C-alpha atoms as a PDB file:
ATOM      1  CA  UNK A   1      18.530 -15.004  20.607  1.00  0.00           C
ATOM      2  CA  UNK A   2      19.249 -15.147  24.313  1.00  0.00           C
ATOM      3  CA  UNK A   3      17.342 -12.941  26.740  1.00  0.00           C
ATOM      4  CA  UNK A   4      18.737 -11.992  30.117  1.00  0.00           C
ATOM      5  CA  UNK A   5      17.871  -9.222  32.552  1.00  0.00           C
ATOM      6  CA  UNK A   6      20.703  -7.222  30.938  1.00  0.00           C
ATOM      7  CA  UNK A   7      19.208  -7.772  27.481  1.00  0.00           C
ATOM      8  CA  UNK A   8      15.817  -6.576  28.714  1.00  0.00           C
ATOM      9  CA  UNK A   9      17.459  -3.460  30.189  1.00  0.00           C
ATOM     10  CA  UNK A  10      19.264  -2.809  26.891  1.00  0.00           C
ATOM     11  CA  UNK A  11      16.002  -3.038  24.955  1.00  0.00           C
ATOM     12  CA  UNK A  12      14.268  -0.817  27.537  1.00  0.00           C
ATOM     13  CA  UNK A  13      16.943   1.843  27.045  1.00  0.00           C
ATOM     14  CA  UNK A  14      16.733   1.502  23.253  1.00  0.00           C
ATOM     15  CA  UNK A  15      12.945   1.942  23.331  1.00  0.00           C
ATOM     16  CA  UNK A  16      13.283   4.975  25.620  1.00  0.00           C
ATOM     17  CA  UNK A  17      15.811   6.477  23.198  1.00  0.00           C
ATOM     18  CA  UNK A  18      13.269   6.158  20.341  1.00  0.00           C
ATOM     19  CA  UNK A  19      10.990   8.803  21.905  1.00  0.00           C
ATOM     20  CA  UNK A  20      12.114  11.529  19.476  1.00  0.00           C
ATOM     21  CA  UNK A  21      10.935   9.343  16.574  1.00  0.00           C
ATOM     22  CA  UNK A  22       7.937   7.668  18.180  1.00  0.00           C
ATOM     23  CA  UNK A  23       6.224  10.602  19.940  1.00  0.00           C
ATOM     24  CA  UNK A  24       5.699  12.560  16.688  1.00  0.00           C
ATOM     25  CA  UNK A  25       4.315   9.389  15.080  1.00  0.00           C
ATOM     26  CA  UNK A  26       1.947   8.926  18.039  1.00  0.00           C
ATOM     27  CA  UNK A  27       0.722  12.491  17.690  1.00  0.00           C
ATOM     28  CA  UNK A  28       0.294  12.213  13.922  1.00  0.00           C
ATOM     29  CA  UNK A  29      -1.644   8.972  14.396  1.00  0.00           C
ATOM     30  CA  UNK A  30      -3.808  10.480  17.144  1.00  0.00           C
ATOM     31  CA  UNK A  31      -4.567  13.533  15.007  1.00  0.00           C
ATOM     32  CA  UNK A  32      -5.521  11.341  12.043  1.00  0.00           C
ATOM     33  CA  UNK A  33      -7.753   9.063  14.113  1.00  0.00           C
ATOM     34  CA  UNK A  34      -9.278  12.037  15.915  1.00  0.00           C
ATOM     35  CA  UNK A  35     -10.235  13.582  12.584  1.00  0.00           C
ATOM     36  CA  UNK A  36     -11.777  10.285  11.474  1.00  0.00           C
ATOM     37  CA  UNK A  37     -13.928  10.081  14.613  1.00  0.00           C
ATOM     38  CA  UNK A  38     -14.512  13.845  14.912  1.00  0.00           C
ATOM     39  CA  UNK A  39     -12.965  14.099  18.387  1.00  0.00           C
ATOM     40  CA  UNK A  40     -10.093  16.015  19.894  1.00  0.00           C
ATOM     41  CA  UNK A  41      -7.365  13.747  21.231  1.00  0.00           C
ATOM     42  CA  UNK A  42      -4.740  15.008  23.642  1.00  0.00           C
ATOM     43  CA  UNK A  43      -1.231  14.946  22.170  1.00  0.00           C
ATOM     44  CA  UNK A  44       1.392  12.776  23.802  1.00  0.00           C
ATOM     45  CA  UNK A  45       4.369  14.369  25.532  1.00  0.00           C
ATOM     46  CA  UNK A  46       7.865  12.956  25.809  1.00  0.00           C
ATOM     47  CA  UNK A  47       7.291  12.559  29.556  1.00  0.00           C
ATOM     48  CA  UNK A  48       4.101  10.555  28.995  1.00  0.00           C
ATOM     49  CA  UNK A  49       5.951   8.289  26.547  1.00  0.00           C
ATOM     50  CA  UNK A  50       8.767   7.767  29.050  1.00  0.00           C
ATOM     51  CA  UNK A  51       6.288   6.973  31.839  1.00  0.00           C
ATOM     52  CA  UNK A  52       4.359   4.504  29.663  1.00  0.00           C
ATOM     53  CA  UNK A  53       7.530   2.634  28.714  1.00  0.00           C
ATOM     54  CA  UNK A  54       8.613   2.632  32.377  1.00  0.00           C
ATOM     55  CA  UNK A  55       5.272   0.984  33.283  1.00  0.00           C
ATOM     56  CA  UNK A  56       5.571  -1.631  30.561  1.00  0.00           C
ATOM     57  CA  UNK A  57       9.095  -2.633  31.556  1.00  0.00           C
ATOM     58  CA  UNK A  58       8.339  -2.545  35.303  1.00  0.00           C
ATOM     59  CA  UNK A  59       6.276  -5.718  34.797  1.00  0.00           C
ATOM     60  CA  UNK A  60       9.046  -8.296  34.381  1.00  0.00           C
ATOM     61  CA  UNK A  61       6.850 -10.890  32.669  1.00  0.00           C
ATOM     62  CA  UNK A  62       5.659  -8.330  30.126  1.00  0.00           C
ATOM     63  CA  UNK A  63       9.123  -6.756  29.842  1.00  0.00           C
ATOM     64  CA  UNK A  64      10.875  -9.939  28.716  1.00  0.00           C
ATOM     65  CA  UNK A  65       8.281 -10.520  25.999  1.00  0.00           C
ATOM     66  CA  UNK A  66       8.329  -6.894  24.853  1.00  0.00           C
ATOM     67  CA  UNK A  67      12.133  -6.978  24.768  1.00  0.00           C
ATOM     68  CA  UNK A  68      12.069 -10.144  22.657  1.00  0.00           C
ATOM     69  CA  UNK A  69       9.662  -8.626  20.129  1.00  0.00           C
ATOM     70  CA  UNK A  70      11.665  -5.391  19.995  1.00  0.00           C
ATOM     71  CA  UNK A  71      14.888  -7.310  19.403  1.00  0.00           C
ATOM     72  CA  UNK A  72      13.290  -9.467  16.705  1.00  0.00           C
ATOM     73  CA  UNK A  73      11.906  -6.458  14.848  1.00  0.00           C
ATOM     74  CA  UNK A  74      15.193  -4.572  15.151  1.00  0.00           C
ATOM     75  CA  UNK A  75      17.013  -7.433  13.471  1.00  0.00           C
ATOM     76  CA  UNK A  76      14.338  -8.770  11.117  1.00  0.00           C
ATOM     77  CA  UNK A  77      15.252  -8.404   7.489  1.00  0.00           C
ATOM     78  CA  UNK A  78      14.044 -10.468   4.573  1.00  0.00           C
ATOM     79  CA  UNK A  79      15.555 -10.333   1.120  1.00  0.00           C
ATOM     80  CA  UNK A  80      13.231  -8.327  -1.144  1.00  0.00           C
ATOM     81  CA  UNK A  81      11.146  -7.557   1.999  1.00  0.00           C
ATOM     82  CA  UNK A  82       7.802  -8.710   0.620  1.00  0.00           C
ATOM     83  CA  UNK A  83       8.137 -12.367   1.681  1.00  0.00           C
ATOM     84  CA  UNK A  84       8.716 -11.108   5.231  1.00  0.00           C
ATOM     85  CA  UNK A  85       5.813  -8.692   5.125  1.00  0.00           C
ATOM     86  CA  UNK A  86       3.543 -11.035   7.038  1.00  0.00           C
ATOM     87  CA  UNK A  87       5.979 -11.784   9.849  1.00  0.00           C
ATOM     88  CA  UNK A  88       6.933  -8.153  10.522  1.00  0.00           C
ATOM     89  CA  UNK A  89       3.236  -7.208  10.536  1.00  0.00           C
ATOM     90  CA  UNK A  90       2.466 -10.055  12.930  1.00  0.00           C
ATOM     91  CA  UNK A  91       5.293  -9.143  15.291  1.00  0.00           C
ATOM     92  CA  UNK A  92       4.466  -5.436  15.131  1.00  0.00           C
ATOM     93  CA  UNK A  93       0.789  -5.988  15.850  1.00  0.00           C
ATOM     94  CA  UNK A  94       1.596  -8.236  18.794  1.00  0.00           C
ATOM     95  CA  UNK A  95       4.115  -5.756  20.206  1.00  0.00           C
ATOM     96  CA  UNK A  96       1.582  -2.917  19.994  1.00  0.00           C
ATOM     97  CA  UNK A  97      -0.998  -5.058  21.781  1.00  0.00           C
ATOM     98  CA  UNK A  98       1.430  -6.139  24.486  1.00  0.00           C
ATOM     99  CA  UNK A  99       2.428  -2.537  25.209  1.00  0.00           C
ATOM    100  CA  UNK A 100      -1.199  -1.356  25.324  1.00  0.00           C
ATOM    101  CA  UNK A 101      -2.206  -3.814  28.036  1.00  0.00           C
ATOM    102  CA  UNK A 102      -5.306  -5.912  28.454  1.00  0.00           C
ATOM    103  CA  UNK A 103      -8.542  -5.966  26.450  1.00  0.00           C
ATOM    104  CA  UNK A 104     -10.056  -3.859  24.984  1.00  0.00           C
ATOM    105  CA  UNK A 105      -6.872  -1.759  24.723  1.00  0.00           C
ATOM    106  CA  UNK A 106      -5.004  -4.728  23.300  1.00  0.00           C
ATOM    107  CA  UNK A 107      -7.353  -5.020  20.317  1.00  0.00           C
ATOM    108  CA  UNK A 108      -7.419  -1.261  19.769  1.00  0.00           C
ATOM    109  CA  UNK A 109      -3.622  -1.211  19.633  1.00  0.00           C
ATOM    110  CA  UNK A 110      -3.591  -3.992  17.038  1.00  0.00           C
ATOM    111  CA  UNK A 111      -5.955  -1.989  14.832  1.00  0.00           C
ATOM    112  CA  UNK A 112      -4.041   1.222  15.436  1.00  0.00           C
ATOM    113  CA  UNK A 113      -0.799  -0.492  14.463  1.00  0.00           C
ATOM    114  CA  UNK A 114      -1.945  -0.584  10.852  1.00  0.00           C
ATOM    115  CA  UNK A 115      -2.831   3.126  10.902  1.00  0.00           C
ATOM    116  CA  UNK A 116       0.606   4.012  12.311  1.00  0.00           C
ATOM    117  CA  UNK A 117       2.361   1.570   9.997  1.00  0.00           C
ATOM    118  CA  UNK A 118       1.174   3.323   6.836  1.00  0.00           C
ATOM    119  CA  UNK A 119       2.521   6.588   8.289  1.00  0.00           C
ATOM    120  CA  UNK A 120       6.101   5.433   8.739  1.00  0.00           C
ATOM    121  CA  UNK A 121       8.664   4.045   6.343  1.00  0.00           C
ATOM    122  CA  UNK A 122      12.088   2.684   7.096  1.00  0.00           C
ATOM    123  CA  UNK A 123      15.215   4.264   5.758  1.00  0.00           C
ATOM    124  CA  UNK A 124      17.393   2.631   3.136  1.00  0.00           C
ATOM    125  CA  UNK A 125      19.700   0.153   4.780  1.00  0.00           C
ATOM    126  CA  UNK A 126      17.451  -0.429   7.797  1.00  0.00           C
ATOM    127  CA  UNK A 127      16.067  -3.848   8.574  1.00  0.00           C
ATOM    128  CA  UNK A 128      12.604  -4.527   7.168  1.00  0.00           C
ATOM    129  CA  UNK A 129      11.149  -4.653  10.676  1.00  0.00           C
ATOM    130  CA  UNK A 130      12.394  -1.180  11.688  1.00  0.00           C
ATOM    131  CA  UNK A 131       9.373   0.781  10.489  1.00  0.00           C
ATOM    132  CA  UNK A 132       7.024  -1.838  11.945  1.00  0.00           C
ATOM    133  CA  UNK A 133       8.838  -1.467  15.247  1.00  0.00           C
ATOM    134  CA  UNK A 134       8.258   2.293  15.349  1.00  0.00           C
ATOM    135  CA  UNK A 135       4.627   1.794  14.320  1.00  0.00           C
ATOM    136  CA  UNK A 136       4.170  -0.807  17.066  1.00  0.00           C
ATOM    137  CA  UNK A 137       5.685   1.428  19.721  1.00  0.00           C
ATOM    138  CA  UNK A 138       3.486   4.316  18.585  1.00  0.00           C
ATOM    139  CA  UNK A 139       0.297   2.254  18.449  1.00  0.00           C
ATOM    140  CA  UNK A 140       0.885   0.568  21.789  1.00  0.00           C
ATOM    141  CA  UNK A 141       1.814   3.707  23.689  1.00  0.00           C
ATOM    142  CA  UNK A 142      -0.890   5.878  22.113  1.00  0.00           C
ATOM    143  CA  UNK A 143      -3.487   3.300  23.123  1.00  0.00           C
ATOM    144  CA  UNK A 144      -2.108   2.833  26.629  1.00  0.00           C
ATOM    145  CA  UNK A 145      -1.898   6.541  27.464  1.00  0.00           C
ATOM    146  CA  UNK A 146      -5.186   8.348  28.136  1.00  0.00           C
ATOM    147  CA  UNK A 147      -6.194  11.243  25.932  1.00  0.00           C
ATOM    148  CA  UNK A 148      -9.306  10.014  24.172  1.00  0.00           C
ATOM    149  CA  UNK A 149     -12.655  11.421  25.356  1.00  0.00           C
ATOM    150  CA  UNK A 150     -14.098   7.926  25.917  1.00  0.00           C
ATOM    151  CA  UNK A 151     -11.284   7.180  28.372  1.00  0.00           C
ATOM    152  CA  UNK A 152     -12.193  10.151  30.562  1.00  0.00           C
ATOM    153  CA  UNK A 153     -15.543   8.831  31.818  1.00  0.00           C
ATOM    154  CA  UNK A 154     -16.772   5.655  33.431  1.00  0.00           C
ATOM    155  CA  UNK A 155     -18.184   3.063  31.081  1.00  0.00           C
ATOM    156  CA  UNK A 156     -21.981   3.066  31.025  1.00  0.00           C
ATOM    157  CA  UNK A 157     -21.877  -0.712  30.598  1.00  0.00           C
ATOM    158  CA  UNK A 158     -20.566  -1.637  34.041  1.00  0.00           C
ATOM    159  CA  UNK A 159     -22.982  -3.768  36.061  1.00  0.00           C
ATOM    160  CA  UNK A 160     -23.255  -2.770  39.681  1.00  0.00           C
END
């Protein structure tokens, strides 16, 4: 695989075009997690998804790595799928974390990836990594974008 600025732009546009599939998955994941933690979580809008992806790809160093992971997951297919299960999970988890940002969001996105991953399934004929790609986009964006009550206040643990 060769990555160029044009390749990164192509992957950026592809990820932006996934909003109609990813935003509903984000909202389903947020609703599920909210019910587990007994909190109301703001739903994600298409505009918030678009803005989050714009931010991710505006950082060139992050963008090239995100584009590489997206491209790998788009093309990853393993005969009988199960032998490739570990690699598509690894790539998906890392993509979610990279989209979310720095710690602790990075770790939260990795955990959320697994919640989103069980909520999506690829279609027949799609590469094995396709559903992991959607789950990674959903987990990373949902973690990056505010909407959780704990994100709306200052941390009580900051030392002044």
